[in-house]
Amino acid sequence: MQAILTMDGNTGNGLDKHDHSAHANSLFGGLMAVLVTTVIIAGSLWMMKPATLPIKQVHIEGEFLRLDTNRMQELVSDKVRGGFFNINVTAIRNTLMALPWVKEVSVHRIWPDGLRVVVNEQTAVVRWNETGLLNDQGHYFAPEKDSFPDGLPMLEGPDDSQKLLLERFNLLKQLYGLSVVHLRLNERRAWQFELDSGLSVVLGRKDFESRIDRFVYMVIKNMGEKLSQAKEIDMRYTNGFAVRWKQRAIENIESGVN
C-alpha cells in the first residue's frame, strides 16, 4: 500500500480522506432534506387545522333587489367550518348558487381571517311559459311566483326555444319598435304576438322577418287610426293581410294562407 507524506509530516491514505469528506457531505445533505420535508409536513398539518386562522369575518357584496342579504349571510356562516387555508369555498359557492335569484357567485379569502363573497343577482327581462323567467341571455330560472317583477312581457314556446324567442322578441322591440307584451311559438312552429294595445298579429310558420316588414310598413302606415279598431291582423297571405275587427267580420282576406 502506498503511503503519502502529508505537510505536517504524517503519513495517511489520501483516497480514504476524500471518501470520508464526500460521505459526510452526503449525510449532511440527506439530513437537511429530511429536516426541510419535516418542516413542510408539519407546517401543512398546522395550516390545515380548523383552529388555525379561523374565519371571523364574512362580507357579502352585490346589488340586490330580490335577494335577502341576511339570509345569504346565514347560509354562508353555516358553511364556515374551517380555517383560512382549508375552508371549502366551493361548498359556499354552491350553497348560494342554489338560490333561484342568484346568477353568479365568487368567493375570495381575505388575509388573515376574512371571506369576500361577491353575488350577482339575476335580472329578469321576460316571463316564460307561466312557470319561470328568462334573463337577458335567455337563461331560464324559476323563483317563487310572488317574487316575479310586475309588467314583464310573456314568451311562450317549446322547452328548447327560450333563446330563439328572446332573440325574436328583441328584434320586434329594438329593430321595429313594437311594444310586444306576448310572443308565442306553438308546437307547429307558428308565430303570433300581441301588442300592448291588445292587437294580435298572426305570422305563421315562415317568412318571419318579411311578414314583420309588411306589418310595419304596410299595415301600420296604411291603416292609421283604424288599427285601433282591429282585434287581429293575419299576415299569412302572400300579397296582403286579413283584419278581424273588434265589432265587424273579417275583411281583406286573400288566398294562399300558409
C-alpha atoms as a PDB file:
ATOM      1  CA  MET A   1       0.000   0.000   0.000  1.00  0.00           C
ATOM      2  CA  GLN A   2       1.343   3.412  -0.931  1.00  0.00           C
ATOM      3  CA  ALA A   3       1.634   5.939   1.901  1.00  0.00           C
ATOM      4  CA  ILE A   4       1.613   9.662   1.331  1.00  0.00           C
ATOM      5  CA  LEU A   5       3.605  12.101   3.465  1.00  0.00           C
ATOM      6  CA  THR A   6       1.457  14.988   4.499  1.00  0.00           C
ATOM      7  CA  MET A   7       2.569  18.591   5.029  1.00  0.00           C
ATOM      8  CA  ASP A   8       2.725  18.032   8.796  1.00  0.00           C
ATOM      9  CA  GLY A   9       4.972  15.048   8.356  1.00  0.00           C
ATOM     10  CA  ASN A  10       2.301  12.417   8.971  1.00  0.00           C
ATOM     11  CA  THR A  11       1.503   9.701   6.557  1.00  0.00           C
ATOM     12  CA  GLY A  12      -2.080   8.796   5.533  1.00  0.00           C
ATOM     13  CA  ASN A  13      -4.298   7.448   2.819  1.00  0.00           C
ATOM     14  CA  GLY A  14      -5.445  10.441   0.720  1.00  0.00           C
ATOM     15  CA  LEU A  15      -8.108   8.428  -1.045  1.00  0.00           C
ATOM     16  CA  ASP A  16      -9.746   7.414   2.244  1.00  0.00           C
ATOM     17  CA  LYS A  17      -9.829  11.030   3.450  1.00  0.00           C
ATOM     18  CA  HIS A  18     -11.562  12.176   0.252  1.00  0.00           C
ATOM     19  CA  ASP A  19     -14.163   9.434   0.557  1.00  0.00           C
ATOM     20  CA  HIS A  20     -14.814  10.361   4.173  1.00  0.00           C
ATOM     21  CA  SER A  21     -15.416  14.015   3.246  1.00  0.00           C
ATOM     22  CA  ALA A  22     -17.804  13.077   0.439  1.00  0.00           C
ATOM     23  CA  HIS A  23     -19.695  10.752   2.755  1.00  0.00           C
ATOM     24  CA  ALA A  24     -20.022  13.499   5.369  1.00  0.00           C
ATOM     25  CA  ASN A  25     -21.370  15.938   2.798  1.00  0.00           C
ATOM     26  CA  SER A  26     -23.880  13.370   1.535  1.00  0.00           C
ATOM     27  CA  LEU A  27     -25.043  12.654   5.066  1.00  0.00           C
ATOM     28  CA  PHE A  28     -25.450  16.351   5.812  1.00  0.00           C
ATOM     29  CA  GLY A  29     -27.445  16.865   2.624  1.00  0.00           C
ATOM     30  CA  GLY A  30     -29.695  13.963   3.474  1.00  0.00           C
ATOM     31  CA  LEU A  31     -30.323  15.275   6.973  1.00  0.00           C
ATOM     32  CA  MET A  32     -31.179  18.719   5.586  1.00  0.00           C
ATOM     33  CA  ALA A  33     -33.626  17.195   3.119  1.00  0.00           C
ATOM     34  CA  VAL A  34     -35.314  15.271   5.909  1.00  0.00           C
ATOM     35  CA  LEU A  35     -35.444  18.400   8.058  1.00  0.00           C
ATOM     36  CA  VAL A  36     -36.964  20.533   5.277  1.00  0.00           C
ATOM     37  CA  THR A  37     -39.522  17.835   4.457  1.00  0.00           C
ATOM     38  CA  THR A  38     -40.449  17.524   8.129  1.00  0.00           C
ATOM     39  CA  VAL A  39     -40.902  21.274   8.440  1.00  0.00           C
ATOM     40  CA  ILE A  40     -43.088  21.380   5.314  1.00  0.00           C
ATOM     41  CA  ILE A  41     -45.281  18.495   6.504  1.00  0.00           C
ATOM     42  CA  ALA A  42     -45.601  19.954   9.997  1.00  0.00           C
ATOM     43  CA  GLY A  43     -46.426  23.364   8.568  1.00  0.00           C
ATOM     44  CA  SER A  44     -49.042  21.885   6.227  1.00  0.00           C
ATOM     45  CA  LEU A  45     -50.689  19.975   9.060  1.00  0.00           C
ATOM     46  CA  TRP A  46     -50.731  23.122  11.165  1.00  0.00           C
ATOM     47  CA  MET A  47     -52.264  25.198   8.392  1.00  0.00           C
ATOM     48  CA  MET A  48     -54.971  22.595   7.713  1.00  0.00           C
ATOM     49  CA  LYS A  49     -56.195  22.598  11.303  1.00  0.00           C
ATOM     50  CA  PRO A  50     -59.593  24.369  11.609  1.00  0.00           C
ATOM     51  CA  ALA A  51     -58.290  26.242  14.637  1.00  0.00           C
ATOM     52  CA  THR A  52     -55.503  27.821  12.575  1.00  0.00           C
ATOM     53  CA  LEU A  53     -56.561  31.323  11.489  1.00  0.00           C
ATOM     54  CA  PRO A  54     -60.322  30.721  11.839  1.00  0.00           C
ATOM     55  CA  ILE A  55     -62.626  32.764   9.612  1.00  0.00           C
ATOM     56  CA  LYS A  56     -64.066  35.613  11.665  1.00  0.00           C
ATOM     57  CA  GLN A  57     -65.432  37.985   9.012  1.00  0.00           C
ATOM     58  CA  VAL A  58     -67.704  37.312   6.040  1.00  0.00           C
ATOM     59  CA  HIS A  59     -68.509  40.170   3.654  1.00  0.00           C
ATOM     60  CA  ILE A  60     -71.280  39.680   1.070  1.00  0.00           C
ATOM     61  CA  GLU A  61     -71.184  42.203  -1.761  1.00  0.00           C
ATOM     62  CA  GLY A  62     -73.578  42.981  -4.612  1.00  0.00           C
ATOM     63  CA  GLU A  63     -76.632  44.991  -5.611  1.00  0.00           C
ATOM     64  CA  PHE A  64     -79.805  43.170  -4.590  1.00  0.00           C
ATOM     65  CA  LEU A  65     -83.470  43.757  -5.345  1.00  0.00           C
ATOM     66  CA  ARG A  66     -84.786  40.233  -4.773  1.00  0.00           C
ATOM     67  CA  LEU A  67     -82.097  38.567  -2.666  1.00  0.00           C
ATOM     68  CA  ASP A  68     -82.055  38.811   1.129  1.00  0.00           C
ATOM     69  CA  THR A  69     -78.578  39.722   2.416  1.00  0.00           C
ATOM     70  CA  ASN A  70     -79.298  38.402   5.912  1.00  0.00           C
ATOM     71  CA  ARG A  71     -80.440  35.051   4.526  1.00  0.00           C
ATOM     72  CA  MET A  72     -77.291  34.743   2.429  1.00  0.00           C
ATOM     73  CA  GLN A  73     -75.176  35.653   5.447  1.00  0.00           C
ATOM     74  CA  GLU A  74     -76.801  32.829   7.410  1.00  0.00           C
ATOM     75  CA  LEU A  75     -76.229  30.319   4.623  1.00  0.00           C
ATOM     76  CA  VAL A  76     -72.573  31.257   4.272  1.00  0.00           C
ATOM     77  CA  SER A  77     -71.953  31.268   8.030  1.00  0.00           C
ATOM     78  CA  ASP A  78     -73.437  27.774   8.248  1.00  0.00           C
ATOM     79  CA  LYS A  79     -70.771  26.565   5.772  1.00  0.00           C
ATOM     80  CA  VAL A  80     -67.797  28.196   7.518  1.00  0.00           C
ATOM     81  CA  ARG A  81     -66.310  25.072   9.063  1.00  0.00           C
ATOM     82  CA  GLY A  82     -62.549  25.547   8.665  1.00  0.00           C
ATOM     83  CA  GLY A  83     -59.705  27.959   8.972  1.00  0.00           C
ATOM     84  CA  PHE A  84     -58.284  30.343   6.395  1.00  0.00           C
ATOM     85  CA  PHE A  85     -56.398  27.663   4.473  1.00  0.00           C
ATOM     86  CA  ASN A  86     -58.847  24.751   4.459  1.00  0.00           C
ATOM     87  CA  ILE A  87     -62.274  26.366   4.269  1.00  0.00           C
ATOM     88  CA  ASN A  88     -64.409  24.848   1.498  1.00  0.00           C
ATOM     89  CA  VAL A  89     -65.092  27.817  -0.788  1.00  0.00           C
ATOM     90  CA  THR A  90     -66.746  25.543  -3.373  1.00  0.00           C
ATOM     91  CA  ALA A  91     -69.385  24.469  -0.857  1.00  0.00           C
ATOM     92  CA  ILE A  92     -70.102  28.113  -0.045  1.00  0.00           C
ATOM     93  CA  ARG A  93     -70.457  28.996  -3.714  1.00  0.00           C
ATOM     94  CA  ASN A  94     -72.740  26.016  -4.434  1.00  0.00           C
ATOM     95  CA  THR A  95     -74.969  26.884  -1.475  1.00  0.00           C
ATOM     96  CA  LEU A  96     -75.606  30.389  -2.789  1.00  0.00           C
ATOM     97  CA  MET A  97     -75.926  29.263  -6.424  1.00  0.00           C
ATOM     98  CA  ALA A  98     -78.885  27.122  -5.347  1.00  0.00           C
ATOM     99  CA  LEU A  99     -80.894  30.309  -4.682  1.00  0.00           C
ATOM    100  CA  PRO A 100     -83.106  30.980  -7.757  1.00  0.00           C
ATOM    101  CA  TRP A 101     -82.337  34.706  -7.933  1.00  0.00           C
ATOM    102  CA  VAL A 102     -78.552  34.152  -7.891  1.00  0.00           C
ATOM    103  CA  LYS A 103     -76.792  34.376 -11.257  1.00  0.00           C
ATOM    104  CA  GLU A 104     -73.128  34.018 -10.251  1.00  0.00           C
ATOM    105  CA  VAL A 105     -71.013  33.793  -7.089  1.00  0.00           C
ATOM    106  CA  SER A 106     -67.296  34.231  -6.447  1.00  0.00           C
ATOM    107  CA  VAL A 107     -65.645  33.567  -3.068  1.00  0.00           C
ATOM    108  CA  HIS A 108     -62.266  35.076  -2.112  1.00  0.00           C
ATOM    109  CA  ARG A 109     -60.123  34.621   1.001  1.00  0.00           C
ATOM    110  CA  ILE A 110     -59.036  37.881   2.657  1.00  0.00           C
ATOM    111  CA  TRP A 111     -55.934  37.553   4.855  1.00  0.00           C
ATOM    112  CA  PRO A 112     -55.867  36.681   7.676  1.00  0.00           C
ATOM    113  CA  ASP A 113     -59.403  35.777   8.758  1.00  0.00           C
ATOM    114  CA  GLY A 114     -61.927  37.005   6.213  1.00  0.00           C
ATOM    115  CA  LEU A 115     -64.063  35.945   3.264  1.00  0.00           C
ATOM    116  CA  ARG A 116     -65.295  38.206   0.466  1.00  0.00           C
ATOM    117  CA  VAL A 117     -68.354  36.818  -1.304  1.00  0.00           C
ATOM    118  CA  VAL A 118     -69.467  38.616  -4.466  1.00  0.00           C
ATOM    119  CA  VAL A 119     -73.001  37.761  -5.614  1.00  0.00           C
ATOM    120  CA  ASN A 120     -74.562  38.762  -8.952  1.00  0.00           C
ATOM    121  CA  GLU A 121     -78.355  38.800  -8.935  1.00  0.00           C
ATOM    122  CA  GLN A 122     -80.444  37.602 -11.851  1.00  0.00           C
ATOM    123  CA  THR A 123     -82.156  40.269 -13.950  1.00  0.00           C
ATOM    124  CA  ALA A 124     -85.451  39.074 -15.405  1.00  0.00           C
ATOM    125  CA  VAL A 125     -86.396  40.535 -18.788  1.00  0.00           C
ATOM    126  CA  VAL A 126     -89.420  38.348 -19.685  1.00  0.00           C
ATOM    127  CA  ARG A 127     -91.684  35.702 -18.220  1.00  0.00           C
ATOM    128  CA  TRP A 128     -91.520  32.208 -19.667  1.00  0.00           C
ATOM    129  CA  ASN A 129     -94.468  29.796 -20.077  1.00  0.00           C
ATOM    130  CA  GLU A 130     -96.149  30.896 -16.820  1.00  0.00           C
ATOM    131  CA  THR A 131     -93.551  28.862 -14.891  1.00  0.00           C
ATOM    132  CA  GLY A 132     -90.420  30.993 -14.698  1.00  0.00           C
ATOM    133  CA  LEU A 133     -88.332  33.850 -16.044  1.00  0.00           C
ATOM    134  CA  LEU A 134     -85.574  34.483 -18.583  1.00  0.00           C
ATOM    135  CA  ASN A 135     -82.585  36.742 -18.070  1.00  0.00           C
ATOM    136  CA  ASP A 136     -81.038  38.844 -20.837  1.00  0.00           C
ATOM    137  CA  GLN A 137     -79.040  35.836 -22.081  1.00  0.00           C
ATOM    138  CA  GLY A 138     -82.093  33.631 -22.426  1.00  0.00           C
ATOM    139  CA  HIS A 139     -81.267  31.518 -19.373  1.00  0.00           C
ATOM    140  CA  TYR A 140     -84.259  30.137 -17.519  1.00  0.00           C
ATOM    141  CA  PHE A 141     -84.716  30.375 -13.760  1.00  0.00           C
ATOM    142  CA  ALA A 142     -87.737  29.723 -11.582  1.00  0.00           C
ATOM    143  CA  PRO A 143     -88.061  31.663  -8.320  1.00  0.00           C
ATOM    144  CA  GLU A 144     -91.267  31.842  -6.319  1.00  0.00           C
ATOM    145  CA  LYS A 145     -94.040  33.385  -8.401  1.00  0.00           C
ATOM    146  CA  ASP A 146     -94.761  36.045  -5.827  1.00  0.00           C
ATOM    147  CA  SER A 147     -91.253  37.382  -6.478  1.00  0.00           C
ATOM    148  CA  PHE A 148     -91.842  37.857 -10.223  1.00  0.00           C
ATOM    149  CA  PRO A 149     -91.472  41.516 -11.268  1.00  0.00           C
ATOM    150  CA  ASP A 150     -94.695  43.164 -12.421  1.00  0.00           C
ATOM    151  CA  GLY A 151     -95.299  44.094 -16.048  1.00  0.00           C
ATOM    152  CA  LEU A 152     -92.878  41.703 -17.749  1.00  0.00           C
ATOM    153  CA  PRO A 153     -93.728  40.562 -21.299  1.00  0.00           C
ATOM    154  CA  MET A 154     -94.681  36.916 -21.728  1.00  0.00           C
ATOM    155  CA  LEU A 155     -92.890  34.464 -24.033  1.00  0.00           C
ATOM    156  CA  GLU A 156     -94.418  31.054 -24.743  1.00  0.00           C
ATOM    157  CA  GLY A 157     -92.809  28.203 -26.629  1.00  0.00           C
ATOM    158  CA  PRO A 158     -91.333  24.684 -26.527  1.00  0.00           C
ATOM    159  CA  ASP A 159     -88.779  23.990 -23.818  1.00  0.00           C
ATOM    160  CA  ASP A 160     -85.809  24.209 -26.185  1.00  0.00           C
ATOM    161  CA  SER A 161     -86.747  27.558 -27.707  1.00  0.00           C
ATOM    162  CA  GLN A 162     -86.018  30.105 -24.964  1.00  0.00           C
ATOM    163  CA  LYS A 163     -83.099  31.807 -26.700  1.00  0.00           C
ATOM    164  CA  LEU A 164     -84.844  31.834 -30.090  1.00  0.00           C
ATOM    165  CA  LEU A 165     -87.934  33.520 -28.678  1.00  0.00           C
ATOM    166  CA  LEU A 166     -85.877  36.070 -26.803  1.00  0.00           C
ATOM    167  CA  GLU A 167     -83.938  36.891 -29.985  1.00  0.00           C
ATOM    168  CA  ARG A 168     -87.207  37.382 -31.919  1.00  0.00           C
ATOM    169  CA  PHE A 169     -88.667  39.420 -29.075  1.00  0.00           C
ATOM    170  CA  ASN A 170     -85.629  41.728 -29.096  1.00  0.00           C
ATOM    171  CA  LEU A 171     -85.882  42.024 -32.879  1.00  0.00           C
ATOM    172  CA  LEU A 172     -89.511  43.150 -32.656  1.00  0.00           C
ATOM    173  CA  LYS A 173     -88.751  45.571 -29.844  1.00  0.00           C
ATOM    174  CA  GLN A 174     -85.395  47.046 -30.845  1.00  0.00           C
ATOM    175  CA  LEU A 175     -85.411  46.955 -34.654  1.00  0.00           C
ATOM    176  CA  TYR A 176     -89.094  47.547 -35.341  1.00  0.00           C
ATOM    177  CA  GLY A 177     -90.013  49.484 -32.208  1.00  0.00           C
ATOM    178  CA  LEU A 178     -93.037  47.298 -31.439  1.00  0.00           C
ATOM    179  CA  SER A 179     -94.379  47.172 -27.868  1.00  0.00           C
ATOM    180  CA  VAL A 180     -94.834  43.410 -27.686  1.00  0.00           C
ATOM    181  CA  VAL A 181     -96.391  42.075 -24.485  1.00  0.00           C
ATOM    182  CA  HIS A 182     -96.856  38.460 -25.589  1.00  0.00           C
ATOM    183  CA  LEU A 183     -94.868  36.408 -28.119  1.00  0.00           C
ATOM    184  CA  ARG A 184     -95.824  32.817 -28.829  1.00  0.00           C
ATOM    185  CA  LEU A 185     -94.330  29.929 -30.820  1.00  0.00           C
ATOM    186  CA  ASN A 186     -96.708  26.961 -30.842  1.00  0.00           C
ATOM    187  CA  GLU A 187     -95.958  23.276 -31.313  1.00  0.00           C
ATOM    188  CA  ARG A 188     -96.430  23.646 -35.074  1.00  0.00           C
ATOM    189  CA  ARG A 189     -93.660  26.316 -35.016  1.00  0.00           C
ATOM    190  CA  ALA A 190     -96.123  29.062 -35.938  1.00  0.00           C
ATOM    191  CA  TRP A 191     -95.564  32.594 -34.602  1.00  0.00           C
ATOM    192  CA  GLN A 192     -98.024  35.049 -33.088  1.00  0.00           C
ATOM    193  CA  PHE A 193     -97.612  38.140 -30.939  1.00  0.00           C
ATOM    194  CA  GLU A 194     -99.734  40.694 -29.123  1.00  0.00           C
ATOM    195  CA  LEU A 195     -99.060  44.415 -28.729  1.00  0.00           C
ATOM    196  CA  ASP A 196     -99.725  46.494 -25.633  1.00  0.00           C
ATOM    197  CA  SER A 197    -102.776  47.917 -27.436  1.00  0.00           C
ATOM    198  CA  GLY A 198    -104.344  44.445 -27.389  1.00  0.00           C
ATOM    199  CA  LEU A 199    -103.867  43.873 -31.133  1.00  0.00           C
ATOM    200  CA  SER A 200    -102.933  40.285 -32.022  1.00  0.00           C
ATOM    201  CA  VAL A 201    -100.718  39.637 -35.074  1.00  0.00           C
ATOM    202  CA  VAL A 202    -100.559  36.184 -36.685  1.00  0.00           C
ATOM    203  CA  LEU A 203     -97.346  35.454 -38.623  1.00  0.00           C
ATOM    204  CA  GLY A 204     -97.487  31.716 -39.264  1.00  0.00           C
ATOM    205  CA  ARG A 205     -94.606  29.285 -39.706  1.00  0.00           C
ATOM    206  CA  LYS A 206     -92.367  31.005 -42.255  1.00  0.00           C
ATOM    207  CA  ASP A 207     -91.046  34.328 -43.580  1.00  0.00           C
ATOM    208  CA  PHE A 208     -90.939  35.820 -40.086  1.00  0.00           C
ATOM    209  CA  GLU A 209     -88.983  38.984 -40.929  1.00  0.00           C
ATOM    210  CA  SER A 210     -90.612  39.676 -44.282  1.00  0.00           C
ATOM    211  CA  ARG A 211     -94.071  39.429 -42.711  1.00  0.00           C
ATOM    212  CA  ILE A 212     -92.987  41.776 -39.919  1.00  0.00           C
ATOM    213  CA  ASP A 213     -91.753  44.201 -42.587  1.00  0.00           C
ATOM    214  CA  ARG A 214     -95.144  44.100 -44.299  1.00  0.00           C
ATOM    215  CA  PHE A 215     -96.951  44.552 -40.997  1.00  0.00           C
ATOM    216  CA  VAL A 216     -94.888  47.613 -40.069  1.00  0.00           C
ATOM    217  CA  TYR A 217     -94.657  49.292 -43.473  1.00  0.00           C
ATOM    218  CA  MET A 218     -97.988  48.234 -44.955  1.00  0.00           C
ATOM    219  CA  VAL A 219    -100.477  47.648 -42.155  1.00  0.00           C
ATOM    220  CA  ILE A 220     -99.443  50.235 -39.578  1.00  0.00           C
ATOM    221  CA  LYS A 221     -98.744  53.009 -42.093  1.00  0.00           C
ATOM    222  CA  ASN A 222    -101.820  52.423 -44.269  1.00  0.00           C
ATOM    223  CA  MET A 223    -104.420  51.722 -41.589  1.00  0.00           C
ATOM    224  CA  GLY A 224    -103.526  54.608 -39.300  1.00  0.00           C
ATOM    225  CA  GLU A 225    -106.184  55.223 -36.670  1.00  0.00           C
ATOM    226  CA  LYS A 226    -108.306  52.344 -37.971  1.00  0.00           C
ATOM    227  CA  LEU A 227    -105.774  49.955 -36.482  1.00  0.00           C
ATOM    228  CA  SER A 228    -107.166  50.703 -33.017  1.00  0.00           C
ATOM    229  CA  GLN A 229    -110.452  49.126 -34.133  1.00  0.00           C
ATOM    230  CA  ALA A 230    -108.781  45.882 -35.200  1.00  0.00           C
ATOM    231  CA  LYS A 231    -108.685  42.802 -32.963  1.00  0.00           C
ATOM    232  CA  GLU A 232    -106.365  40.667 -35.081  1.00  0.00           C
ATOM    233  CA  ILE A 233    -104.144  41.056 -38.140  1.00  0.00           C
ATOM    234  CA  ASP A 234    -103.345  37.896 -40.096  1.00  0.00           C
ATOM    235  CA  MET A 235    -100.138  38.251 -42.142  1.00  0.00           C
ATOM    236  CA  ARG A 236    -100.140  34.723 -43.621  1.00  0.00           C
ATOM    237  CA  TYR A 237    -101.256  35.937 -47.046  1.00  0.00           C
ATOM    238  CA  THR A 238     -98.896  36.129 -49.992  1.00  0.00           C
ATOM    239  CA  ASN A 239     -99.613  39.702 -51.056  1.00  0.00           C
ATOM    240  CA  GLY A 240    -101.771  41.117 -48.316  1.00  0.00           C
ATOM    241  CA  PHE A 241    -103.319  40.570 -44.927  1.00  0.00           C
ATOM    242  CA  ALA A 242    -106.622  39.942 -43.187  1.00  0.00           C
ATOM    243  CA  VAL A 243    -108.218  42.045 -40.486  1.00  0.00           C
ATOM    244  CA  ARG A 244    -110.526  40.803 -37.769  1.00  0.00           C
ATOM    245  CA  TRP A 245    -112.312  43.833 -36.382  1.00  0.00           C
ATOM    246  CA  LYS A 246    -113.443  44.192 -32.826  1.00  0.00           C
ATOM    247  CA  GLN A 247    -117.048  44.780 -33.902  1.00  0.00           C
ATOM    248  CA  ARG A 248    -117.178  43.564 -37.514  1.00  0.00           C
ATOM    249  CA  ALA A 249    -116.435  40.491 -39.615  1.00  0.00           C
ATOM    250  CA  ILE A 250    -113.166  39.622 -41.261  1.00  0.00           C
ATOM    251  CA  GLU A 251    -112.284  41.553 -44.421  1.00  0.00           C
ATOM    252  CA  ASN A 252    -109.445  41.873 -46.937  1.00  0.00           C
ATOM    253  CA  ILE A 253    -108.783  38.135 -46.921  1.00  0.00           C
ATOM    254  CA  GLU A 254    -106.741  36.855 -49.851  1.00  0.00           C
ATOM    255  CA  SER A 255    -105.933  33.314 -50.939  1.00  0.00           C
ATOM    256  CA  GLY A 256    -102.737  31.496 -50.139  1.00  0.00           C
ATOM    257  CA  VAL A 257    -102.819  31.147 -46.357  1.00  0.00           C
ATOM    258  CA  ASN A 258     -99.767  29.146 -45.118  1.00  0.00           C
END
